Amino acid sequence: AVTGDLLRLAWHIGNRHTPCQIEPE
């Protein structure tokens, strides 16, 4: 479960083509 600056972290996760479940928090 990853928390922090979600927009920035989601960008880095997506940039590595890592599957990600996106939730509000």
PDBML (XML) file of the C-alpha atoms, coordinates in Angstrom:
<?xml version="1.0" encoding="UTF-8" ?>
<PDBx:datablock datablockName="MODEL"
   xmlns:PDBx="http://pdbml.pdb.org/schema/pdbx-v50.xsd"
   xmlns:xsi="http://www.w3.org/2001/XMLSchema-instance"
   xsi:schemaLocation="http://pdbml.pdb.org/schema/pdbx-v50.xsd pdbx-v50.xsd">
   <PDBx:atom_siteCategory>
      <PDBx:atom_site id="1">
         <PDBx:B_iso_or_equiv>0.00</PDBx:B_iso_or_equiv>
         <PDBx:Cartn_x>0.000</PDBx:Cartn_x>
         <PDBx:Cartn_y>0.000</PDBx:Cartn_y>
         <PDBx:Cartn_z>0.000</PDBx:Cartn_z>
         <PDBx:auth_asym_id>A</PDBx:auth_asym_id>
         <PDBx:auth_atom_id>CA</PDBx:auth_atom_id>
         <PDBx:auth_comp_id>ALA</PDBx:auth_comp_id>
         <PDBx:auth_seq_id>1</PDBx:auth_seq_id>
         <PDBx:group_PDB>ATOM</PDBx:group_PDB>
         <PDBx:label_alt_id xsi:nil="true" />
         <PDBx:label_asym_id>A</PDBx:label_asym_id>
         <PDBx:label_atom_id>CA</PDBx:label_atom_id>
         <PDBx:label_comp_id>ALA</PDBx:label_comp_id>
         <PDBx:label_entity_id>1</PDBx:label_entity_id>
         <PDBx:label_seq_id>1</PDBx:label_seq_id>
         <PDBx:occupancy>1.00</PDBx:occupancy>
         <PDBx:pdbx_PDB_model_num>1</PDBx:pdbx_PDB_model_num>
         <PDBx:type_symbol>C</PDBx:type_symbol>
      </PDBx:atom_site>
      <PDBx:atom_site id="2">
         <PDBx:B_iso_or_equiv>0.00</PDBx:B_iso_or_equiv>
         <PDBx:Cartn_x>1.709</PDBx:Cartn_x>
         <PDBx:Cartn_y>3.175</PDBx:Cartn_y>
         <PDBx:Cartn_z>-1.208</PDBx:Cartn_z>
         <PDBx:auth_asym_id>A</PDBx:auth_asym_id>
         <PDBx:auth_atom_id>CA</PDBx:auth_atom_id>
         <PDBx:auth_comp_id>VAL</PDBx:auth_comp_id>
         <PDBx:auth_seq_id>2</PDBx:auth_seq_id>
         <PDBx:group_PDB>ATOM</PDBx:group_PDB>
         <PDBx:label_alt_id xsi:nil="true" />
         <PDBx:label_asym_id>A</PDBx:label_asym_id>
         <PDBx:label_atom_id>CA</PDBx:label_atom_id>
         <PDBx:label_comp_id>VAL</PDBx:label_comp_id>
         <PDBx:label_entity_id>1</PDBx:label_entity_id>
         <PDBx:label_seq_id>2</PDBx:label_seq_id>
         <PDBx:occupancy>1.00</PDBx:occupancy>
         <PDBx:pdbx_PDB_model_num>1</PDBx:pdbx_PDB_model_num>
         <PDBx:type_symbol>C</PDBx:type_symbol>
      </PDBx:atom_site>
      <PDBx:atom_site id="3">
         <PDBx:B_iso_or_equiv>0.00</PDBx:B_iso_or_equiv>
         <PDBx:Cartn_x>0.950</PDBx:Cartn_x>
         <PDBx:Cartn_y>6.602</PDBx:Cartn_y>
         <PDBx:Cartn_z>0.248</PDBx:Cartn_z>
         <PDBx:auth_asym_id>A</PDBx:auth_asym_id>
         <PDBx:auth_atom_id>CA</PDBx:auth_atom_id>
         <PDBx:auth_comp_id>THR</PDBx:auth_comp_id>
         <PDBx:auth_seq_id>3</PDBx:auth_seq_id>
         <PDBx:group_PDB>ATOM</PDBx:group_PDB>
         <PDBx:label_alt_id xsi:nil="true" />
         <PDBx:label_asym_id>A</PDBx:label_asym_id>
         <PDBx:label_atom_id>CA</PDBx:label_atom_id>
         <PDBx:label_comp_id>THR</PDBx:label_comp_id>
         <PDBx:label_entity_id>1</PDBx:label_entity_id>
         <PDBx:label_seq_id>3</PDBx:label_seq_id>
         <PDBx:occupancy>1.00</PDBx:occupancy>
         <PDBx:pdbx_PDB_model_num>1</PDBx:pdbx_PDB_model_num>
         <PDBx:type_symbol>C</PDBx:type_symbol>
      </PDBx:atom_site>
      <PDBx:atom_site id="4">
         <PDBx:B_iso_or_equiv>0.00</PDBx:B_iso_or_equiv>
         <PDBx:Cartn_x>2.518</PDBx:Cartn_x>
         <PDBx:Cartn_y>10.022</PDBx:Cartn_y>
         <PDBx:Cartn_z>-0.234</PDBx:Cartn_z>
         <PDBx:auth_asym_id>A</PDBx:auth_asym_id>
         <PDBx:auth_atom_id>CA</PDBx:auth_atom_id>
         <PDBx:auth_comp_id>GLY</PDBx:auth_comp_id>
         <PDBx:auth_seq_id>4</PDBx:auth_seq_id>
         <PDBx:group_PDB>ATOM</PDBx:group_PDB>
         <PDBx:label_alt_id xsi:nil="true" />
         <PDBx:label_asym_id>A</PDBx:label_asym_id>
         <PDBx:label_atom_id>CA</PDBx:label_atom_id>
         <PDBx:label_comp_id>GLY</PDBx:label_comp_id>
         <PDBx:label_entity_id>1</PDBx:label_entity_id>
         <PDBx:label_seq_id>4</PDBx:label_seq_id>
         <PDBx:occupancy>1.00</PDBx:occupancy>
         <PDBx:pdbx_PDB_model_num>1</PDBx:pdbx_PDB_model_num>
         <PDBx:type_symbol>C</PDBx:type_symbol>
      </PDBx:atom_site>
      <PDBx:atom_site id="5">
         <PDBx:B_iso_or_equiv>0.00</PDBx:B_iso_or_equiv>
         <PDBx:Cartn_x>2.332</PDBx:Cartn_x>
         <PDBx:Cartn_y>12.342</PDBx:Cartn_y>
         <PDBx:Cartn_z>-3.250</PDBx:Cartn_z>
         <PDBx:auth_asym_id>A</PDBx:auth_asym_id>
         <PDBx:auth_atom_id>CA</PDBx:auth_atom_id>
         <PDBx:auth_comp_id>ASP</PDBx:auth_comp_id>
         <PDBx:auth_seq_id>5</PDBx:auth_seq_id>
         <PDBx:group_PDB>ATOM</PDBx:group_PDB>
         <PDBx:label_alt_id xsi:nil="true" />
         <PDBx:label_asym_id>A</PDBx:label_asym_id>
         <PDBx:label_atom_id>CA</PDBx:label_atom_id>
         <PDBx:label_comp_id>ASP</PDBx:label_comp_id>
         <PDBx:label_entity_id>1</PDBx:label_entity_id>
         <PDBx:label_seq_id>5</PDBx:label_seq_id>
         <PDBx:occupancy>1.00</PDBx:occupancy>
         <PDBx:pdbx_PDB_model_num>1</PDBx:pdbx_PDB_model_num>
         <PDBx:type_symbol>C</PDBx:type_symbol>
      </PDBx:atom_site>
      <PDBx:atom_site id="6">
         <PDBx:B_iso_or_equiv>0.00</PDBx:B_iso_or_equiv>
         <PDBx:Cartn_x>0.034</PDBx:Cartn_x>
         <PDBx:Cartn_y>9.960</PDBx:Cartn_y>
         <PDBx:Cartn_z>-5.161</PDBx:Cartn_z>
         <PDBx:auth_asym_id>A</PDBx:auth_asym_id>
         <PDBx:auth_atom_id>CA</PDBx:auth_atom_id>
         <PDBx:auth_comp_id>LEU</PDBx:auth_comp_id>
         <PDBx:auth_seq_id>6</PDBx:auth_seq_id>
         <PDBx:group_PDB>ATOM</PDBx:group_PDB>
         <PDBx:label_alt_id xsi:nil="true" />
         <PDBx:label_asym_id>A</PDBx:label_asym_id>
         <PDBx:label_atom_id>CA</PDBx:label_atom_id>
         <PDBx:label_comp_id>LEU</PDBx:label_comp_id>
         <PDBx:label_entity_id>1</PDBx:label_entity_id>
         <PDBx:label_seq_id>6</PDBx:label_seq_id>
         <PDBx:occupancy>1.00</PDBx:occupancy>
         <PDBx:pdbx_PDB_model_num>1</PDBx:pdbx_PDB_model_num>
         <PDBx:type_symbol>C</PDBx:type_symbol>
      </PDBx:atom_site>
      <PDBx:atom_site id="7">
         <PDBx:B_iso_or_equiv>0.00</PDBx:B_iso_or_equiv>
         <PDBx:Cartn_x>0.107</PDBx:Cartn_x>
         <PDBx:Cartn_y>11.820</PDBx:Cartn_y>
         <PDBx:Cartn_z>-8.491</PDBx:Cartn_z>
         <PDBx:auth_asym_id>A</PDBx:auth_asym_id>
         <PDBx:auth_atom_id>CA</PDBx:auth_atom_id>
         <PDBx:auth_comp_id>LEU</PDBx:auth_comp_id>
         <PDBx:auth_seq_id>7</PDBx:auth_seq_id>
         <PDBx:group_PDB>ATOM</PDBx:group_PDB>
         <PDBx:label_alt_id xsi:nil="true" />
         <PDBx:label_asym_id>A</PDBx:label_asym_id>
         <PDBx:label_atom_id>CA</PDBx:label_atom_id>
         <PDBx:label_comp_id>LEU</PDBx:label_comp_id>
         <PDBx:label_entity_id>1</PDBx:label_entity_id>
         <PDBx:label_seq_id>7</PDBx:label_seq_id>
         <PDBx:occupancy>1.00</PDBx:occupancy>
         <PDBx:pdbx_PDB_model_num>1</PDBx:pdbx_PDB_model_num>
         <PDBx:type_symbol>C</PDBx:type_symbol>
      </PDBx:atom_site>
      <PDBx:atom_site id="8">
         <PDBx:B_iso_or_equiv>0.00</PDBx:B_iso_or_equiv>
         <PDBx:Cartn_x>3.902</PDBx:Cartn_x>
         <PDBx:Cartn_y>11.854</PDBx:Cartn_y>
         <PDBx:Cartn_z>-8.613</PDBx:Cartn_z>
         <PDBx:auth_asym_id>A</PDBx:auth_asym_id>
         <PDBx:auth_atom_id>CA</PDBx:auth_atom_id>
         <PDBx:auth_comp_id>ARG</PDBx:auth_comp_id>
         <PDBx:auth_seq_id>8</PDBx:auth_seq_id>
         <PDBx:group_PDB>ATOM</PDBx:group_PDB>
         <PDBx:label_alt_id xsi:nil="true" />
         <PDBx:label_asym_id>A</PDBx:label_asym_id>
         <PDBx:label_atom_id>CA</PDBx:label_atom_id>
         <PDBx:label_comp_id>ARG</PDBx:label_comp_id>
         <PDBx:label_entity_id>1</PDBx:label_entity_id>
         <PDBx:label_seq_id>8</PDBx:label_seq_id>
         <PDBx:occupancy>1.00</PDBx:occupancy>
         <PDBx:pdbx_PDB_model_num>1</PDBx:pdbx_PDB_model_num>
         <PDBx:type_symbol>C</PDBx:type_symbol>
      </PDBx:atom_site>
      <PDBx:atom_site id="9">
         <PDBx:B_iso_or_equiv>0.00</PDBx:B_iso_or_equiv>
         <PDBx:Cartn_x>4.190</PDBx:Cartn_x>
         <PDBx:Cartn_y>8.271</PDBx:Cartn_y>
         <PDBx:Cartn_z>-7.380</PDBx:Cartn_z>
         <PDBx:auth_asym_id>A</PDBx:auth_asym_id>
         <PDBx:auth_atom_id>CA</PDBx:auth_atom_id>
         <PDBx:auth_comp_id>LEU</PDBx:auth_comp_id>
         <PDBx:auth_seq_id>9</PDBx:auth_seq_id>
         <PDBx:group_PDB>ATOM</PDBx:group_PDB>
         <PDBx:label_alt_id xsi:nil="true" />
         <PDBx:label_asym_id>A</PDBx:label_asym_id>
         <PDBx:label_atom_id>CA</PDBx:label_atom_id>
         <PDBx:label_comp_id>LEU</PDBx:label_comp_id>
         <PDBx:label_entity_id>1</PDBx:label_entity_id>
         <PDBx:label_seq_id>9</PDBx:label_seq_id>
         <PDBx:occupancy>1.00</PDBx:occupancy>
         <PDBx:pdbx_PDB_model_num>1</PDBx:pdbx_PDB_model_num>
         <PDBx:type_symbol>C</PDBx:type_symbol>
      </PDBx:atom_site>
      <PDBx:atom_site id="10">
         <PDBx:B_iso_or_equiv>0.00</PDBx:B_iso_or_equiv>
         <PDBx:Cartn_x>1.549</PDBx:Cartn_x>
         <PDBx:Cartn_y>7.043</PDBx:Cartn_y>
         <PDBx:Cartn_z>-9.856</PDBx:Cartn_z>
         <PDBx:auth_asym_id>A</PDBx:auth_asym_id>
         <PDBx:auth_atom_id>CA</PDBx:auth_atom_id>
         <PDBx:auth_comp_id>ALA</PDBx:auth_comp_id>
         <PDBx:auth_seq_id>10</PDBx:auth_seq_id>
         <PDBx:group_PDB>ATOM</PDBx:group_PDB>
         <PDBx:label_alt_id xsi:nil="true" />
         <PDBx:label_asym_id>A</PDBx:label_asym_id>
         <PDBx:label_atom_id>CA</PDBx:label_atom_id>
         <PDBx:label_comp_id>ALA</PDBx:label_comp_id>
         <PDBx:label_entity_id>1</PDBx:label_entity_id>
         <PDBx:label_seq_id>10</PDBx:label_seq_id>
         <PDBx:occupancy>1.00</PDBx:occupancy>
         <PDBx:pdbx_PDB_model_num>1</PDBx:pdbx_PDB_model_num>
         <PDBx:type_symbol>C</PDBx:type_symbol>
      </PDBx:atom_site>
      <PDBx:atom_site id="11">
         <PDBx:B_iso_or_equiv>0.00</PDBx:B_iso_or_equiv>
         <PDBx:Cartn_x>3.528</PDBx:Cartn_x>
         <PDBx:Cartn_y>8.637</PDBx:Cartn_y>
         <PDBx:Cartn_z>-12.688</PDBx:Cartn_z>
         <PDBx:auth_asym_id>A</PDBx:auth_asym_id>
         <PDBx:auth_atom_id>CA</PDBx:auth_atom_id>
         <PDBx:auth_comp_id>TRP</PDBx:auth_comp_id>
         <PDBx:auth_seq_id>11</PDBx:auth_seq_id>
         <PDBx:group_PDB>ATOM</PDBx:group_PDB>
         <PDBx:label_alt_id xsi:nil="true" />
         <PDBx:label_asym_id>A</PDBx:label_asym_id>
         <PDBx:label_atom_id>CA</PDBx:label_atom_id>
         <PDBx:label_comp_id>TRP</PDBx:label_comp_id>
         <PDBx:label_entity_id>1</PDBx:label_entity_id>
         <PDBx:label_seq_id>11</PDBx:label_seq_id>
         <PDBx:occupancy>1.00</PDBx:occupancy>
         <PDBx:pdbx_PDB_model_num>1</PDBx:pdbx_PDB_model_num>
         <PDBx:type_symbol>C</PDBx:type_symbol>
      </PDBx:atom_site>
      <PDBx:atom_site id="12">
         <PDBx:B_iso_or_equiv>0.00</PDBx:B_iso_or_equiv>
         <PDBx:Cartn_x>6.705</PDBx:Cartn_x>
         <PDBx:Cartn_y>6.766</PDBx:Cartn_y>
         <PDBx:Cartn_z>-11.660</PDBx:Cartn_z>
         <PDBx:auth_asym_id>A</PDBx:auth_asym_id>
         <PDBx:auth_atom_id>CA</PDBx:auth_atom_id>
         <PDBx:auth_comp_id>HIS</PDBx:auth_comp_id>
         <PDBx:auth_seq_id>12</PDBx:auth_seq_id>
         <PDBx:group_PDB>ATOM</PDBx:group_PDB>
         <PDBx:label_alt_id xsi:nil="true" />
         <PDBx:label_asym_id>A</PDBx:label_asym_id>
         <PDBx:label_atom_id>CA</PDBx:label_atom_id>
         <PDBx:label_comp_id>HIS</PDBx:label_comp_id>
         <PDBx:label_entity_id>1</PDBx:label_entity_id>
         <PDBx:label_seq_id>12</PDBx:label_seq_id>
         <PDBx:occupancy>1.00</PDBx:occupancy>
         <PDBx:pdbx_PDB_model_num>1</PDBx:pdbx_PDB_model_num>
         <PDBx:type_symbol>C</PDBx:type_symbol>
      </PDBx:atom_site>
      <PDBx:atom_site id="13">
         <PDBx:B_iso_or_equiv>0.00</PDBx:B_iso_or_equiv>
         <PDBx:Cartn_x>4.816</PDBx:Cartn_x>
         <PDBx:Cartn_y>3.488</PDBx:Cartn_y>
         <PDBx:Cartn_z>-11.236</PDBx:Cartn_z>
         <PDBx:auth_asym_id>A</PDBx:auth_asym_id>
         <PDBx:auth_atom_id>CA</PDBx:auth_atom_id>
         <PDBx:auth_comp_id>ILE</PDBx:auth_comp_id>
         <PDBx:auth_seq_id>13</PDBx:auth_seq_id>
         <PDBx:group_PDB>ATOM</PDBx:group_PDB>
         <PDBx:label_alt_id xsi:nil="true" />
         <PDBx:label_asym_id>A</PDBx:label_asym_id>
         <PDBx:label_atom_id>CA</PDBx:label_atom_id>
         <PDBx:label_comp_id>ILE</PDBx:label_comp_id>
         <PDBx:label_entity_id>1</PDBx:label_entity_id>
         <PDBx:label_seq_id>13</PDBx:label_seq_id>
         <PDBx:occupancy>1.00</PDBx:occupancy>
         <PDBx:pdbx_PDB_model_num>1</PDBx:pdbx_PDB_model_num>
         <PDBx:type_symbol>C</PDBx:type_symbol>
      </PDBx:atom_site>
      <PDBx:atom_site id="14">
         <PDBx:B_iso_or_equiv>0.00</PDBx:B_iso_or_equiv>
         <PDBx:Cartn_x>3.157</PDBx:Cartn_x>
         <PDBx:Cartn_y>3.871</PDBx:Cartn_y>
         <PDBx:Cartn_z>-14.648</PDBx:Cartn_z>
         <PDBx:auth_asym_id>A</PDBx:auth_asym_id>
         <PDBx:auth_atom_id>CA</PDBx:auth_atom_id>
         <PDBx:auth_comp_id>GLY</PDBx:auth_comp_id>
         <PDBx:auth_seq_id>14</PDBx:auth_seq_id>
         <PDBx:group_PDB>ATOM</PDBx:group_PDB>
         <PDBx:label_alt_id xsi:nil="true" />
         <PDBx:label_asym_id>A</PDBx:label_asym_id>
         <PDBx:label_atom_id>CA</PDBx:label_atom_id>
         <PDBx:label_comp_id>GLY</PDBx:label_comp_id>
         <PDBx:label_entity_id>1</PDBx:label_entity_id>
         <PDBx:label_seq_id>14</PDBx:label_seq_id>
         <PDBx:occupancy>1.00</PDBx:occupancy>
         <PDBx:pdbx_PDB_model_num>1</PDBx:pdbx_PDB_model_num>
         <PDBx:type_symbol>C</PDBx:type_symbol>
      </PDBx:atom_site>
      <PDBx:atom_site id="15">
         <PDBx:B_iso_or_equiv>0.00</PDBx:B_iso_or_equiv>
         <PDBx:Cartn_x>6.422</PDBx:Cartn_x>
         <PDBx:Cartn_y>4.864</PDBx:Cartn_y>
         <PDBx:Cartn_z>-16.281</PDBx:Cartn_z>
         <PDBx:auth_asym_id>A</PDBx:auth_asym_id>
         <PDBx:auth_atom_id>CA</PDBx:auth_atom_id>
         <PDBx:auth_comp_id>ASN</PDBx:auth_comp_id>
         <PDBx:auth_seq_id>15</PDBx:auth_seq_id>
         <PDBx:group_PDB>ATOM</PDBx:group_PDB>
         <PDBx:label_alt_id xsi:nil="true" />
         <PDBx:label_asym_id>A</PDBx:label_asym_id>
         <PDBx:label_atom_id>CA</PDBx:label_atom_id>
         <PDBx:label_comp_id>ASN</PDBx:label_comp_id>
         <PDBx:label_entity_id>1</PDBx:label_entity_id>
         <PDBx:label_seq_id>15</PDBx:label_seq_id>
         <PDBx:occupancy>1.00</PDBx:occupancy>
         <PDBx:pdbx_PDB_model_num>1</PDBx:pdbx_PDB_model_num>
         <PDBx:type_symbol>C</PDBx:type_symbol>
      </PDBx:atom_site>
      <PDBx:atom_site id="16">
         <PDBx:B_iso_or_equiv>0.00</PDBx:B_iso_or_equiv>
         <PDBx:Cartn_x>7.727</PDBx:Cartn_x>
         <PDBx:Cartn_y>1.417</PDBx:Cartn_y>
         <PDBx:Cartn_z>-15.315</PDBx:Cartn_z>
         <PDBx:auth_asym_id>A</PDBx:auth_asym_id>
         <PDBx:auth_atom_id>CA</PDBx:auth_atom_id>
         <PDBx:auth_comp_id>ARG</PDBx:auth_comp_id>
         <PDBx:auth_seq_id>16</PDBx:auth_seq_id>
         <PDBx:group_PDB>ATOM</PDBx:group_PDB>
         <PDBx:label_alt_id xsi:nil="true" />
         <PDBx:label_asym_id>A</PDBx:label_asym_id>
         <PDBx:label_atom_id>CA</PDBx:label_atom_id>
         <PDBx:label_comp_id>ARG</PDBx:label_comp_id>
         <PDBx:label_entity_id>1</PDBx:label_entity_id>
         <PDBx:label_seq_id>16</PDBx:label_seq_id>
         <PDBx:occupancy>1.00</PDBx:occupancy>
         <PDBx:pdbx_PDB_model_num>1</PDBx:pdbx_PDB_model_num>
         <PDBx:type_symbol>C</PDBx:type_symbol>
      </PDBx:atom_site>
      <PDBx:atom_site id="17">
         <PDBx:B_iso_or_equiv>0.00</PDBx:B_iso_or_equiv>
         <PDBx:Cartn_x>4.608</PDBx:Cartn_x>
         <PDBx:Cartn_y>-0.332</PDBx:Cartn_y>
         <PDBx:Cartn_z>-16.654</PDBx:Cartn_z>
         <PDBx:auth_asym_id>A</PDBx:auth_asym_id>
         <PDBx:auth_atom_id>CA</PDBx:auth_atom_id>
         <PDBx:auth_comp_id>HIS</PDBx:auth_comp_id>
         <PDBx:auth_seq_id>17</PDBx:auth_seq_id>
         <PDBx:group_PDB>ATOM</PDBx:group_PDB>
         <PDBx:label_alt_id xsi:nil="true" />
         <PDBx:label_asym_id>A</PDBx:label_asym_id>
         <PDBx:label_atom_id>CA</PDBx:label_atom_id>
         <PDBx:label_comp_id>HIS</PDBx:label_comp_id>
         <PDBx:label_entity_id>1</PDBx:label_entity_id>
         <PDBx:label_seq_id>17</PDBx:label_seq_id>
         <PDBx:occupancy>1.00</PDBx:occupancy>
         <PDBx:pdbx_PDB_model_num>1</PDBx:pdbx_PDB_model_num>
         <PDBx:type_symbol>C</PDBx:type_symbol>
      </PDBx:atom_site>
      <PDBx:atom_site id="18">
         <PDBx:B_iso_or_equiv>0.00</PDBx:B_iso_or_equiv>
         <PDBx:Cartn_x>3.894</PDBx:Cartn_x>
         <PDBx:Cartn_y>-1.684</PDBx:Cartn_y>
         <PDBx:Cartn_z>-13.175</PDBx:Cartn_z>
         <PDBx:auth_asym_id>A</PDBx:auth_asym_id>
         <PDBx:auth_atom_id>CA</PDBx:auth_atom_id>
         <PDBx:auth_comp_id>THR</PDBx:auth_comp_id>
         <PDBx:auth_seq_id>18</PDBx:auth_seq_id>
         <PDBx:group_PDB>ATOM</PDBx:group_PDB>
         <PDBx:label_alt_id xsi:nil="true" />
         <PDBx:label_asym_id>A</PDBx:label_asym_id>
         <PDBx:label_atom_id>CA</PDBx:label_atom_id>
         <PDBx:label_comp_id>THR</PDBx:label_comp_id>
         <PDBx:label_entity_id>1</PDBx:label_entity_id>
         <PDBx:label_seq_id>18</PDBx:label_seq_id>
         <PDBx:occupancy>1.00</PDBx:occupancy>
         <PDBx:pdbx_PDB_model_num>1</PDBx:pdbx_PDB_model_num>
         <PDBx:type_symbol>C</PDBx:type_symbol>
      </PDBx:atom_site>
      <PDBx:atom_site id="19">
         <PDBx:B_iso_or_equiv>0.00</PDBx:B_iso_or_equiv>
         <PDBx:Cartn_x>0.269</PDBx:Cartn_x>
         <PDBx:Cartn_y>-2.774</PDBx:Cartn_y>
         <PDBx:Cartn_z>-12.633</PDBx:Cartn_z>
         <PDBx:auth_asym_id>A</PDBx:auth_asym_id>
         <PDBx:auth_atom_id>CA</PDBx:auth_atom_id>
         <PDBx:auth_comp_id>PRO</PDBx:auth_comp_id>
         <PDBx:auth_seq_id>19</PDBx:auth_seq_id>
         <PDBx:group_PDB>ATOM</PDBx:group_PDB>
         <PDBx:label_alt_id xsi:nil="true" />
         <PDBx:label_asym_id>A</PDBx:label_asym_id>
         <PDBx:label_atom_id>CA</PDBx:label_atom_id>
         <PDBx:label_comp_id>PRO</PDBx:label_comp_id>
         <PDBx:label_entity_id>1</PDBx:label_entity_id>
         <PDBx:label_seq_id>19</PDBx:label_seq_id>
         <PDBx:occupancy>1.00</PDBx:occupancy>
         <PDBx:pdbx_PDB_model_num>1</PDBx:pdbx_PDB_model_num>
         <PDBx:type_symbol>C</PDBx:type_symbol>
      </PDBx:atom_site>
      <PDBx:atom_site id="20">
         <PDBx:B_iso_or_equiv>0.00</PDBx:B_iso_or_equiv>
         <PDBx:Cartn_x>-1.337</PDBx:Cartn_x>
         <PDBx:Cartn_y>-0.434</PDBx:Cartn_y>
         <PDBx:Cartn_z>-10.100</PDBx:Cartn_z>
         <PDBx:auth_asym_id>A</PDBx:auth_asym_id>
         <PDBx:auth_atom_id>CA</PDBx:auth_atom_id>
         <PDBx:auth_comp_id>CYS</PDBx:auth_comp_id>
         <PDBx:auth_seq_id>20</PDBx:auth_seq_id>
         <PDBx:group_PDB>ATOM</PDBx:group_PDB>
         <PDBx:label_alt_id xsi:nil="true" />
         <PDBx:label_asym_id>A</PDBx:label_asym_id>
         <PDBx:label_atom_id>CA</PDBx:label_atom_id>
         <PDBx:label_comp_id>CYS</PDBx:label_comp_id>
         <PDBx:label_entity_id>1</PDBx:label_entity_id>
         <PDBx:label_seq_id>20</PDBx:label_seq_id>
         <PDBx:occupancy>1.00</PDBx:occupancy>
         <PDBx:pdbx_PDB_model_num>1</PDBx:pdbx_PDB_model_num>
         <PDBx:type_symbol>C</PDBx:type_symbol>
      </PDBx:atom_site>
      <PDBx:atom_site id="21">
         <PDBx:B_iso_or_equiv>0.00</PDBx:B_iso_or_equiv>
         <PDBx:Cartn_x>-4.636</PDBx:Cartn_x>
         <PDBx:Cartn_y>-0.395</PDBx:Cartn_y>
         <PDBx:Cartn_z>-8.233</PDBx:Cartn_z>
         <PDBx:auth_asym_id>A</PDBx:auth_asym_id>
         <PDBx:auth_atom_id>CA</PDBx:auth_atom_id>
         <PDBx:auth_comp_id>GLN</PDBx:auth_comp_id>
         <PDBx:auth_seq_id>21</PDBx:auth_seq_id>
         <PDBx:group_PDB>ATOM</PDBx:group_PDB>
         <PDBx:label_alt_id xsi:nil="true" />
         <PDBx:label_asym_id>A</PDBx:label_asym_id>
         <PDBx:label_atom_id>CA</PDBx:label_atom_id>
         <PDBx:label_comp_id>GLN</PDBx:label_comp_id>
         <PDBx:label_entity_id>1</PDBx:label_entity_id>
         <PDBx:label_seq_id>21</PDBx:label_seq_id>
         <PDBx:occupancy>1.00</PDBx:occupancy>
         <PDBx:pdbx_PDB_model_num>1</PDBx:pdbx_PDB_model_num>
         <PDBx:type_symbol>C</PDBx:type_symbol>
      </PDBx:atom_site>
      <PDBx:atom_site id="22">
         <PDBx:B_iso_or_equiv>0.00</PDBx:B_iso_or_equiv>
         <PDBx:Cartn_x>-5.611</PDBx:Cartn_x>
         <PDBx:Cartn_y>3.266</PDBx:Cartn_y>
         <PDBx:Cartn_z>-7.822</PDBx:Cartn_z>
         <PDBx:auth_asym_id>A</PDBx:auth_asym_id>
         <PDBx:auth_atom_id>CA</PDBx:auth_atom_id>
         <PDBx:auth_comp_id>ILE</PDBx:auth_comp_id>
         <PDBx:auth_seq_id>22</PDBx:auth_seq_id>
         <PDBx:group_PDB>ATOM</PDBx:group_PDB>
         <PDBx:label_alt_id xsi:nil="true" />
         <PDBx:label_asym_id>A</PDBx:label_asym_id>
         <PDBx:label_atom_id>CA</PDBx:label_atom_id>
         <PDBx:label_comp_id>ILE</PDBx:label_comp_id>
         <PDBx:label_entity_id>1</PDBx:label_entity_id>
         <PDBx:label_seq_id>22</PDBx:label_seq_id>
         <PDBx:occupancy>1.00</PDBx:occupancy>
         <PDBx:pdbx_PDB_model_num>1</PDBx:pdbx_PDB_model_num>
         <PDBx:type_symbol>C</PDBx:type_symbol>
      </PDBx:atom_site>
      <PDBx:atom_site id="23">
         <PDBx:B_iso_or_equiv>0.00</PDBx:B_iso_or_equiv>
         <PDBx:Cartn_x>-7.655</PDBx:Cartn_x>
         <PDBx:Cartn_y>4.255</PDBx:Cartn_y>
         <PDBx:Cartn_z>-4.781</PDBx:Cartn_z>
         <PDBx:auth_asym_id>A</PDBx:auth_asym_id>
         <PDBx:auth_atom_id>CA</PDBx:auth_atom_id>
         <PDBx:auth_comp_id>GLU</PDBx:auth_comp_id>
         <PDBx:auth_seq_id>23</PDBx:auth_seq_id>
         <PDBx:group_PDB>ATOM</PDBx:group_PDB>
         <PDBx:label_alt_id xsi:nil="true" />
         <PDBx:label_asym_id>A</PDBx:label_asym_id>
         <PDBx:label_atom_id>CA</PDBx:label_atom_id>
         <PDBx:label_comp_id>GLU</PDBx:label_comp_id>
         <PDBx:label_entity_id>1</PDBx:label_entity_id>
         <PDBx:label_seq_id>23</PDBx:label_seq_id>
         <PDBx:occupancy>1.00</PDBx:occupancy>
         <PDBx:pdbx_PDB_model_num>1</PDBx:pdbx_PDB_model_num>
         <PDBx:type_symbol>C</PDBx:type_symbol>
      </PDBx:atom_site>
      <PDBx:atom_site id="24">
         <PDBx:B_iso_or_equiv>0.00</PDBx:B_iso_or_equiv>
         <PDBx:Cartn_x>-8.457</PDBx:Cartn_x>
         <PDBx:Cartn_y>7.725</PDBx:Cartn_y>
         <PDBx:Cartn_z>-3.374</PDBx:Cartn_z>
         <PDBx:auth_asym_id>A</PDBx:auth_asym_id>
         <PDBx:auth_atom_id>CA</PDBx:auth_atom_id>
         <PDBx:auth_comp_id>PRO</PDBx:auth_comp_id>
         <PDBx:auth_seq_id>24</PDBx:auth_seq_id>
         <PDBx:group_PDB>ATOM</PDBx:group_PDB>
         <PDBx:label_alt_id xsi:nil="true" />
         <PDBx:label_asym_id>A</PDBx:label_asym_id>
         <PDBx:label_atom_id>CA</PDBx:label_atom_id>
         <PDBx:label_comp_id>PRO</PDBx:label_comp_id>
         <PDBx:label_entity_id>1</PDBx:label_entity_id>
         <PDBx:label_seq_id>24</PDBx:label_seq_id>
         <PDBx:occupancy>1.00</PDBx:occupancy>
         <PDBx:pdbx_PDB_model_num>1</PDBx:pdbx_PDB_model_num>
         <PDBx:type_symbol>C</PDBx:type_symbol>
      </PDBx:atom_site>
      <PDBx:atom_site id="25">
         <PDBx:B_iso_or_equiv>0.00</PDBx:B_iso_or_equiv>
         <PDBx:Cartn_x>-6.041</PDBx:Cartn_x>
         <PDBx:Cartn_y>7.449</PDBx:Cartn_y>
         <PDBx:Cartn_z>-0.424</PDBx:Cartn_z>
         <PDBx:auth_asym_id>A</PDBx:auth_asym_id>
         <PDBx:auth_atom_id>CA</PDBx:auth_atom_id>
         <PDBx:auth_comp_id>GLU</PDBx:auth_comp_id>
         <PDBx:auth_seq_id>25</PDBx:auth_seq_id>
         <PDBx:group_PDB>ATOM</PDBx:group_PDB>
         <PDBx:label_alt_id xsi:nil="true" />
         <PDBx:label_asym_id>A</PDBx:label_asym_id>
         <PDBx:label_atom_id>CA</PDBx:label_atom_id>
         <PDBx:label_comp_id>GLU</PDBx:label_comp_id>
         <PDBx:label_entity_id>1</PDBx:label_entity_id>
         <PDBx:label_seq_id>25</PDBx:label_seq_id>
         <PDBx:occupancy>1.00</PDBx:occupancy>
         <PDBx:pdbx_PDB_model_num>1</PDBx:pdbx_PDB_model_num>
         <PDBx:type_symbol>C</PDBx:type_symbol>
      </PDBx:atom_site>
   </PDBx:atom_siteCategory>
</PDBx:datablock>
